Amino acid sequence: MAFLSACKGETSTETQTVTKTVGAGSTVTVTQTAGAGSTVTVTQPGTTVTGTGGGTAPAGLLHLIVNNIDYWGVVEPQWTLAYVLREKLGLTGTKRGCDAGDCGYCTVIMDGVPIESCIYLAIEADGKKIETVEGFNQSDKLTPLQQAFIDNDGLQCGFCTPGMLMTAKALLAFKPKATEAEIREHMAGVLCRCGSYMTIIKSIQSMTA
């Protein structure tokens, strides 16, 4: 199974077409024109279906919008979103811990809401806008939230940090002036194996001042 990506917002007006084989007798073709949508064609034995970027993916094809990049690919129905992000898209900042939705290490933001990607099926994320911890670094500078975690020693081993950052970002977007009690309640779903809860809370509190 191969995933193809198509970036939006490019300044070039060139059109690029990429075709890859994704299974026995099946191919995926992505035609991307900079600044426009992506036209995706899935060809399988005896049938051809076509869809356009930004809409619903054609039958049998998953469309993910991850960190503002469109990805198209054929997935198995049992694959979780965490598995696809890590193993198929190479976004390993999303950690897997319990695979049961208990530790929060795999937290990503989907359409503005934090979710545990280890228990969310990839096929249910079709057409959704997803942000992973890699989305923080769209430039050479750290975001204020990342810097706050560094300044306040809000991490030790770092394994839980992606989940903490994504959960905190969702909270601050919804409630920029969250109280300590609200921060504690919102962050309760992400465990820290090093026990750095106080400095994590302090890091987030520094963003509400």
C-alpha atoms as a PDB file:
ATOM      1  CA  MET A   1       0.000   0.000   0.000  1.00  0.00           C
ATOM      2  CA  ALA A   2       1.376   3.396  -0.958  1.00  0.00           C
ATOM      3  CA  PHE A   3       0.222   6.842   0.096  1.00  0.00           C
ATOM      4  CA  LEU A   4       0.548   9.763  -2.272  1.00  0.00           C
ATOM      5  CA  SER A   5       0.710  13.348  -1.055  1.00  0.00           C
ATOM      6  CA  ALA A   6      -0.316  16.559  -2.771  1.00  0.00           C
ATOM      7  CA  CYS A   7       0.637  19.893  -1.217  1.00  0.00           C
ATOM      8  CA  LYS A   8      -1.629  22.915  -1.547  1.00  0.00           C
ATOM      9  CA  GLY A   9      -0.713  26.579  -1.762  1.00  0.00           C
ATOM     10  CA  GLU A  10       2.267  26.247  -4.087  1.00  0.00           C
ATOM     11  CA  THR A  11       3.188  29.231  -6.242  1.00  0.00           C
ATOM     12  CA  SER A  12       4.061  27.228  -9.341  1.00  0.00           C
ATOM     13  CA  THR A  13       1.381  26.654 -11.969  1.00  0.00           C
ATOM     14  CA  GLU A  14       2.828  23.358 -13.143  1.00  0.00           C
ATOM     15  CA  THR A  15       0.696  20.236 -13.223  1.00  0.00           C
ATOM     16  CA  GLN A  16       2.226  17.008 -11.979  1.00  0.00           C
ATOM     17  CA  THR A  17       0.819  13.515 -12.353  1.00  0.00           C
ATOM     18  CA  VAL A  18       2.002  10.609 -10.236  1.00  0.00           C
ATOM     19  CA  THR A  19       0.831   7.022 -10.639  1.00  0.00           C
ATOM     20  CA  LYS A  20       1.643   4.197  -8.243  1.00  0.00           C
ATOM     21  CA  THR A  21       0.565   0.594  -7.952  1.00  0.00           C
ATOM     22  CA  VAL A  22      -1.101  -0.042  -4.595  1.00  0.00           C
ATOM     23  CA  GLY A  23      -2.122  -3.662  -4.962  1.00  0.00           C
ATOM     24  CA  ALA A  24      -2.733  -6.469  -7.405  1.00  0.00           C
ATOM     25  CA  GLY A  25      -4.197  -4.811 -10.488  1.00  0.00           C
ATOM     26  CA  SER A  26      -4.876  -1.527  -8.667  1.00  0.00           C
ATOM     27  CA  THR A  27      -3.268   1.859  -9.267  1.00  0.00           C
ATOM     28  CA  VAL A  28      -3.716   5.330  -7.799  1.00  0.00           C
ATOM     29  CA  THR A  29      -3.092   8.376  -9.969  1.00  0.00           C
ATOM     30  CA  VAL A  30      -2.810  11.848  -8.434  1.00  0.00           C
ATOM     31  CA  THR A  31      -2.854  14.858 -10.749  1.00  0.00           C
ATOM     32  CA  GLN A  32      -1.938  18.004  -8.798  1.00  0.00           C
ATOM     33  CA  THR A  33      -2.070  21.546 -10.141  1.00  0.00           C
ATOM     34  CA  ALA A  34      -0.449  24.065  -7.801  1.00  0.00           C
ATOM     35  CA  GLY A  35      -3.045  26.256  -6.136  1.00  0.00           C
ATOM     36  CA  ALA A  36      -5.875  23.971  -7.209  1.00  0.00           C
ATOM     37  CA  GLY A  37      -7.373  20.718  -6.000  1.00  0.00           C
ATOM     38  CA  SER A  38      -5.992  17.259  -6.578  1.00  0.00           C
ATOM     39  CA  THR A  39      -7.716  14.987  -9.084  1.00  0.00           C
ATOM     40  CA  VAL A  40      -7.376  11.397  -7.960  1.00  0.00           C
ATOM     41  CA  THR A  41      -8.160   8.358 -10.081  1.00  0.00           C
ATOM     42  CA  VAL A  42      -8.268   4.827  -8.697  1.00  0.00           C
ATOM     43  CA  THR A  43      -8.126   2.099 -11.305  1.00  0.00           C
ATOM     44  CA  GLN A  44      -9.043  -1.433 -10.290  1.00  0.00           C
ATOM     45  CA  PRO A  45      -9.775  -4.484 -12.417  1.00  0.00           C
ATOM     46  CA  GLY A  46     -12.941  -3.716 -14.380  1.00  0.00           C
ATOM     47  CA  THR A  47     -13.634  -0.283 -12.889  1.00  0.00           C
ATOM     48  CA  THR A  48     -12.264   3.246 -12.671  1.00  0.00           C
ATOM     49  CA  VAL A  49     -13.448   5.843 -10.149  1.00  0.00           C
ATOM     50  CA  THR A  50     -12.372   9.478  -9.880  1.00  0.00           C
ATOM     51  CA  GLY A  51     -12.563  12.062  -7.120  1.00  0.00           C
ATOM     52  CA  THR A  52     -11.341  15.611  -6.503  1.00  0.00           C
ATOM     53  CA  GLY A  53      -9.233  16.842  -3.587  1.00  0.00           C
ATOM     54  CA  GLY A  54     -11.176  18.534  -0.806  1.00  0.00           C
ATOM     55  CA  GLY A  55     -14.207  16.306  -1.254  1.00  0.00           C
ATOM     56  CA  THR A  56     -15.071  12.727  -0.448  1.00  0.00           C
ATOM     57  CA  ALA A  57     -12.520  10.136  -1.486  1.00  0.00           C
ATOM     58  CA  PRO A  58     -13.489   7.681  -4.221  1.00  0.00           C
ATOM     59  CA  ALA A  59     -14.612   4.225  -3.134  1.00  0.00           C
ATOM     60  CA  GLY A  60     -11.716   2.244  -1.692  1.00  0.00           C
ATOM     61  CA  LEU A  61      -9.484   5.309  -1.341  1.00  0.00           C
ATOM     62  CA  LEU A  62      -8.751   7.154   1.900  1.00  0.00           C
ATOM     63  CA  HIS A  63      -8.219  10.915   1.832  1.00  0.00           C
ATOM     64  CA  LEU A  64      -6.425  12.377   4.844  1.00  0.00           C
ATOM     65  CA  ILE A  65      -5.550  16.040   5.301  1.00  0.00           C
ATOM     66  CA  VAL A  66      -2.593  15.963   7.680  1.00  0.00           C
ATOM     67  CA  ASN A  67      -0.775  19.159   8.628  1.00  0.00           C
ATOM     68  CA  ASN A  68      -2.328  20.866   5.572  1.00  0.00           C
ATOM     69  CA  ILE A  69      -1.095  18.199   3.154  1.00  0.00           C
ATOM     70  CA  ASP A  70      -3.494  15.950   1.243  1.00  0.00           C
ATOM     71  CA  TYR A  71      -2.702  12.236   1.369  1.00  0.00           C
ATOM     72  CA  TRP A  72      -4.432   9.546  -0.667  1.00  0.00           C
ATOM     73  CA  GLY A  73      -4.103   5.811  -0.225  1.00  0.00           C
ATOM     74  CA  VAL A  74      -5.831   2.460  -0.011  1.00  0.00           C
ATOM     75  CA  VAL A  75      -6.068   1.126   3.547  1.00  0.00           C
ATOM     76  CA  GLU A  76      -7.146  -2.019   5.317  1.00  0.00           C
ATOM     77  CA  PRO A  77     -10.392  -1.578   7.299  1.00  0.00           C
ATOM     78  CA  GLN A  78      -8.759  -2.595  10.591  1.00  0.00           C
ATOM     79  CA  TRP A  79      -5.896  -0.090  10.413  1.00  0.00           C
ATOM     80  CA  THR A  80      -5.975   2.591  13.075  1.00  0.00           C
ATOM     81  CA  LEU A  81      -5.212   6.221  12.398  1.00  0.00           C
ATOM     82  CA  ALA A  82      -2.108   5.964  14.600  1.00  0.00           C
ATOM     83  CA  TYR A  83      -0.831   3.063  12.503  1.00  0.00           C
ATOM     84  CA  VAL A  84      -1.342   4.934   9.233  1.00  0.00           C
ATOM     85  CA  LEU A  85       0.246   8.131  10.552  1.00  0.00           C
ATOM     86  CA  ARG A  86       3.322   6.319  11.840  1.00  0.00           C
ATOM     87  CA  GLU A  87       3.848   3.398   9.489  1.00  0.00           C
ATOM     88  CA  LYS A  88       2.464   4.733   6.201  1.00  0.00           C
ATOM     89  CA  LEU A  89       3.042   8.487   6.404  1.00  0.00           C
ATOM     90  CA  GLY A  90       6.208   8.394   8.510  1.00  0.00           C
ATOM     91  CA  LEU A  91       4.834  10.813  11.126  1.00  0.00           C
ATOM     92  CA  THR A  92       6.381   9.062  14.107  1.00  0.00           C
ATOM     93  CA  GLY A  93       5.874  11.971  16.498  1.00  0.00           C
ATOM     94  CA  THR A  94       2.520  10.356  17.251  1.00  0.00           C
ATOM     95  CA  LYS A  95       3.454   7.755  19.870  1.00  0.00           C
ATOM     96  CA  ARG A  96       1.838   4.408  20.592  1.00  0.00           C
ATOM     97  CA  GLY A  97       1.710   3.309  24.201  1.00  0.00           C
ATOM     98  CA  CYS A  98      -1.308   1.319  25.332  1.00  0.00           C
ATOM     99  CA  ASP A  99      -3.202   0.871  22.033  1.00  0.00           C
ATOM    100  CA  ALA A 100      -6.345   1.107  24.159  1.00  0.00           C
ATOM    101  CA  GLY A 101      -7.009   4.852  24.406  1.00  0.00           C
ATOM    102  CA  ASP A 102      -5.806   5.050  28.012  1.00  0.00           C
ATOM    103  CA  CYS A 103      -2.380   6.744  27.985  1.00  0.00           C
ATOM    104  CA  GLY A 104      -3.004   9.625  25.559  1.00  0.00           C
ATOM    105  CA  TYR A 105       0.435   9.403  23.925  1.00  0.00           C
ATOM    106  CA  CYS A 106      -1.141   9.039  20.479  1.00  0.00           C
ATOM    107  CA  THR A 107      -3.286  12.183  20.751  1.00  0.00           C
ATOM    108  CA  VAL A 108      -3.760  14.185  17.560  1.00  0.00           C
ATOM    109  CA  ILE A 109      -6.159  17.011  16.756  1.00  0.00           C
ATOM    110  CA  MET A 110      -8.953  16.215  14.316  1.00  0.00           C
ATOM    111  CA  ASP A 111     -11.159  19.072  13.153  1.00  0.00           C
ATOM    112  CA  GLY A 112     -10.119  20.989  16.277  1.00  0.00           C
ATOM    113  CA  VAL A 113     -10.810  18.164  18.738  1.00  0.00           C
ATOM    114  CA  PRO A 114      -8.120  16.020  20.438  1.00  0.00           C
ATOM    115  CA  ILE A 115      -8.593  12.287  19.837  1.00  0.00           C
ATOM    116  CA  GLU A 116      -6.712   9.097  20.700  1.00  0.00           C
ATOM    117  CA  SER A 117      -5.576   7.940  17.285  1.00  0.00           C
ATOM    118  CA  CYS A 118      -4.746   4.411  18.482  1.00  0.00           C
ATOM    119  CA  ILE A 119      -8.453   3.554  18.814  1.00  0.00           C
ATOM    120  CA  TYR A 120      -9.703   5.625  15.870  1.00  0.00           C
ATOM    121  CA  LEU A 121     -10.003   3.716  12.613  1.00  0.00           C
ATOM    122  CA  ALA A 122      -8.252   5.353   9.684  1.00  0.00           C
ATOM    123  CA  ILE A 123     -11.281   4.869   7.427  1.00  0.00           C
ATOM    124  CA  GLU A 124     -13.316   7.018   9.843  1.00  0.00           C
ATOM    125  CA  ALA A 125     -10.883   9.896   9.316  1.00  0.00           C
ATOM    126  CA  ASP A 126     -11.659  10.169   5.604  1.00  0.00           C
ATOM    127  CA  GLY A 127     -11.722  13.837   4.579  1.00  0.00           C
ATOM    128  CA  LYS A 128     -10.902  15.047   8.101  1.00  0.00           C
ATOM    129  CA  LYS A 129      -8.341  17.712   8.917  1.00  0.00           C
ATOM    130  CA  ILE A 130      -5.718  16.217  11.208  1.00  0.00           C
ATOM    131  CA  GLU A 131      -2.836  17.872  12.988  1.00  0.00           C
ATOM    132  CA  THR A 132       0.069  15.938  14.471  1.00  0.00           C
ATOM    133  CA  VAL A 133       2.961  17.232  16.536  1.00  0.00           C
ATOM    134  CA  GLU A 134       4.973  17.582  13.310  1.00  0.00           C
ATOM    135  CA  GLY A 135       2.535  20.345  12.354  1.00  0.00           C
ATOM    136  CA  PHE A 136       4.019  22.562  15.069  1.00  0.00           C
ATOM    137  CA  ASN A 137       7.215  23.053  13.121  1.00  0.00           C
ATOM    138  CA  GLN A 138       6.154  24.746   9.904  1.00  0.00           C
ATOM    139  CA  SER A 139       9.117  27.117  10.249  1.00  0.00           C
ATOM    140  CA  ASP A 140      12.558  27.116  11.847  1.00  0.00           C
ATOM    141  CA  LYS A 141      11.202  28.541  15.112  1.00  0.00           C
ATOM    142  CA  LEU A 142       9.534  26.808  18.035  1.00  0.00           C
ATOM    143  CA  THR A 143       5.955  27.767  18.766  1.00  0.00           C
ATOM    144  CA  PRO A 144       5.253  29.639  22.035  1.00  0.00           C
ATOM    145  CA  LEU A 145       3.721  26.470  23.512  1.00  0.00           C
ATOM    146  CA  GLN A 146       6.791  24.389  22.695  1.00  0.00           C
ATOM    147  CA  GLN A 147       9.028  27.087  24.158  1.00  0.00           C
ATOM    148  CA  ALA A 148       6.884  27.203  27.298  1.00  0.00           C
ATOM    149  CA  PHE A 149       7.449  23.473  27.853  1.00  0.00           C
ATOM    150  CA  ILE A 150      11.208  24.015  27.524  1.00  0.00           C
ATOM    151  CA  ASP A 151      11.307  27.100  29.750  1.00  0.00           C
ATOM    152  CA  ASN A 152       9.305  25.399  32.510  1.00  0.00           C
ATOM    153  CA  ASP A 153      10.911  21.938  32.284  1.00  0.00           C
ATOM    154  CA  GLY A 154       7.621  20.450  31.124  1.00  0.00           C
ATOM    155  CA  LEU A 155       9.259  17.247  29.910  1.00  0.00           C
ATOM    156  CA  GLN A 156      11.793  14.627  30.923  1.00  0.00           C
ATOM    157  CA  CYS A 157      12.020  11.524  28.730  1.00  0.00           C
ATOM    158  CA  GLY A 158       9.765  13.208  26.164  1.00  0.00           C
ATOM    159  CA  PHE A 159       7.672  10.177  25.235  1.00  0.00           C
ATOM    160  CA  CYS A 160       4.409  11.754  26.394  1.00  0.00           C
ATOM    161  CA  THR A 161       5.318  15.235  25.132  1.00  0.00           C
ATOM    162  CA  PRO A 162       3.633  14.988  21.692  1.00  0.00           C
ATOM    163  CA  GLY A 163       0.366  13.959  23.326  1.00  0.00           C
ATOM    164  CA  MET A 164       0.724  16.676  25.958  1.00  0.00           C
ATOM    165  CA  LEU A 165       1.404  19.347  23.339  1.00  0.00           C
ATOM    166  CA  MET A 166      -1.518  18.353  21.122  1.00  0.00           C
ATOM    167  CA  THR A 167      -3.928  18.167  24.062  1.00  0.00           C
ATOM    168  CA  ALA A 168      -2.729  21.494  25.446  1.00  0.00           C
ATOM    169  CA  LYS A 169      -2.992  23.167  22.048  1.00  0.00           C
ATOM    170  CA  ALA A 170      -6.598  22.046  21.676  1.00  0.00           C
ATOM    171  CA  LEU A 171      -7.408  23.348  25.159  1.00  0.00           C
ATOM    172  CA  LEU A 172      -5.813  26.760  24.606  1.00  0.00           C
ATOM    173  CA  ALA A 173      -7.564  27.155  21.254  1.00  0.00           C
ATOM    174  CA  PHE A 174     -10.899  26.521  22.961  1.00  0.00           C
ATOM    175  CA  LYS A 175     -10.179  28.323  26.240  1.00  0.00           C
ATOM    176  CA  PRO A 176      -7.145  30.665  26.078  1.00  0.00           C
ATOM    177  CA  LYS A 177      -7.591  31.735  29.717  1.00  0.00           C
ATOM    178  CA  ALA A 178      -8.081  28.270  31.180  1.00  0.00           C
ATOM    179  CA  THR A 179      -7.776  28.034  34.954  1.00  0.00           C
ATOM    180  CA  GLU A 180      -5.474  25.583  36.708  1.00  0.00           C
ATOM    181  CA  ALA A 181      -8.452  23.374  37.527  1.00  0.00           C
ATOM    182  CA  GLU A 182      -9.546  23.366  33.884  1.00  0.00           C
ATOM    183  CA  ILE A 183      -6.010  22.562  32.743  1.00  0.00           C
ATOM    184  CA  ARG A 184      -5.787  19.660  35.184  1.00  0.00           C
ATOM    185  CA  GLU A 185      -9.128  18.273  34.042  1.00  0.00           C
ATOM    186  CA  HIS A 186      -8.361  18.639  30.336  1.00  0.00           C
ATOM    187  CA  MET A 187      -4.874  17.125  30.585  1.00  0.00           C
ATOM    188  CA  ALA A 188      -5.950  14.180  32.753  1.00  0.00           C
ATOM    189  CA  GLY A 189      -6.204  11.908  29.719  1.00  0.00           C
ATOM    190  CA  VAL A 190      -2.467  12.037  28.999  1.00  0.00           C
ATOM    191  CA  LEU A 191      -0.200  10.095  31.350  1.00  0.00           C
ATOM    192  CA  CYS A 192       3.400  11.035  32.152  1.00  0.00           C
ATOM    193  CA  ARG A 193       5.582   8.072  33.062  1.00  0.00           C
ATOM    194  CA  CYS A 194       8.167  10.456  34.581  1.00  0.00           C
ATOM    195  CA  GLY A 195       5.611  12.172  36.830  1.00  0.00           C
ATOM    196  CA  SER A 196       6.288  15.693  35.519  1.00  0.00           C
ATOM    197  CA  TYR A 197       2.696  16.798  35.960  1.00  0.00           C
ATOM    198  CA  MET A 198       3.424  19.939  37.977  1.00  0.00           C
ATOM    199  CA  THR A 199       5.862  21.387  35.449  1.00  0.00           C
ATOM    200  CA  ILE A 200       3.563  20.418  32.577  1.00  0.00           C
ATOM    201  CA  ILE A 201       0.703  22.304  34.226  1.00  0.00           C
ATOM    202  CA  LYS A 202       3.051  25.228  34.887  1.00  0.00           C
ATOM    203  CA  SER A 203       4.060  25.255  31.221  1.00  0.00           C
ATOM    204  CA  ILE A 204       0.454  25.496  30.083  1.00  0.00           C
ATOM    205  CA  GLN A 205      -0.418  28.059  32.755  1.00  0.00           C
ATOM    206  CA  SER A 206       2.339  30.315  31.437  1.00  0.00           C
ATOM    207  CA  MET A 207       0.411  30.483  28.158  1.00  0.00           C
ATOM    208  CA  THR A 208      -2.753  31.757  29.850  1.00  0.00           C
ATOM    209  CA  ALA A 209      -1.169  34.744  31.623  1.00  0.00           C
END
